Amino acid sequence: MHPESAQYPWSRGFLEDAYRILTTVDSALMVIDSAKGAKIY
């Protein structure tokens, strides 16, 4: 077993969760931007 894998057993799940969260936040920001745009025009 490599020392790196022993130190970071969570890295894969963490990266998947982070990606999922960032994707969700990005979608939410797009919805908010479109709502602001609808109010402005």
C-alpha atoms as a PDB file:
ATOM      1  CA  MET A   1       0.000   0.000   0.000  1.00  0.00           C
ATOM      2  CA  HIS A   2       1.319   3.419  -0.924  1.00  0.00           C
ATOM      3  CA  PRO A   3       1.528   6.078   1.819  1.00  0.00           C
ATOM      4  CA  GLU A   4      -0.497   8.473  -0.338  1.00  0.00           C
ATOM      5  CA  SER A   5      -3.504   6.155  -0.544  1.00  0.00           C
ATOM      6  CA  ALA A   6      -3.264   5.516   3.206  1.00  0.00           C
ATOM      7  CA  GLN A   7      -3.325   9.249   3.921  1.00  0.00           C
ATOM      8  CA  TYR A   8      -6.210  10.027   1.561  1.00  0.00           C
ATOM      9  CA  PRO A   9      -8.743   7.194   1.608  1.00  0.00           C
ATOM     10  CA  TRP A  10     -11.492   9.810   1.226  1.00  0.00           C
ATOM     11  CA  SER A  11     -10.109  11.710  -1.767  1.00  0.00           C
ATOM     12  CA  ARG A  12     -12.189   9.987  -4.472  1.00  0.00           C
ATOM     13  CA  GLY A  13     -15.509  10.327  -2.624  1.00  0.00           C
ATOM     14  CA  PHE A  14     -14.597  13.875  -1.612  1.00  0.00           C
ATOM     15  CA  LEU A  15     -13.854  14.897  -5.199  1.00  0.00           C
ATOM     16  CA  GLU A  16     -17.108  13.346  -6.407  1.00  0.00           C
ATOM     17  CA  ASP A  17     -19.076  15.190  -3.706  1.00  0.00           C
ATOM     18  CA  ALA A  18     -17.267  18.462  -4.434  1.00  0.00           C
ATOM     19  CA  TYR A  19     -18.007  18.114  -8.159  1.00  0.00           C
ATOM     20  CA  ARG A  20     -21.669  17.374  -7.442  1.00  0.00           C
ATOM     21  CA  ILE A  21     -21.921  20.391  -5.103  1.00  0.00           C
ATOM     22  CA  LEU A  22     -20.207  22.712  -7.589  1.00  0.00           C
ATOM     23  CA  THR A  23     -22.515  21.543 -10.368  1.00  0.00           C
ATOM     24  CA  THR A  24     -25.558  22.174  -8.159  1.00  0.00           C
ATOM     25  CA  VAL A  25     -24.307  25.632  -7.155  1.00  0.00           C
ATOM     26  CA  ASP A  26     -23.569  26.486 -10.794  1.00  0.00           C
ATOM     27  CA  SER A  27     -27.110  25.494 -11.802  1.00  0.00           C
ATOM     28  CA  ALA A  28     -28.580  27.527  -8.935  1.00  0.00           C
ATOM     29  CA  LEU A  29     -26.560  30.592  -9.945  1.00  0.00           C
ATOM     30  CA  MET A  30     -27.778  30.260 -13.545  1.00  0.00           C
ATOM     31  CA  VAL A  31     -31.387  30.165 -12.291  1.00  0.00           C
ATOM     32  CA  ILE A  32     -30.774  33.231 -10.098  1.00  0.00           C
ATOM     33  CA  ASP A  33     -29.124  35.096 -12.983  1.00  0.00           C
ATOM     34  CA  SER A  34     -32.041  34.342 -15.303  1.00  0.00           C
ATOM     35  CA  ALA A  35     -34.490  35.492 -12.616  1.00  0.00           C
ATOM     36  CA  LYS A  36     -32.557  38.762 -12.173  1.00  0.00           C
ATOM     37  CA  GLY A  37     -32.462  39.219 -15.933  1.00  0.00           C
ATOM     38  CA  ALA A  38     -36.231  38.719 -16.155  1.00  0.00           C
ATOM     39  CA  LYS A  39     -36.780  41.380 -13.491  1.00  0.00           C
ATOM     40  CA  ILE A  40     -34.411  43.878 -15.127  1.00  0.00           C
ATOM     41  CA  TYR A  41     -35.948  43.753 -18.599  1.00  0.00           C
END
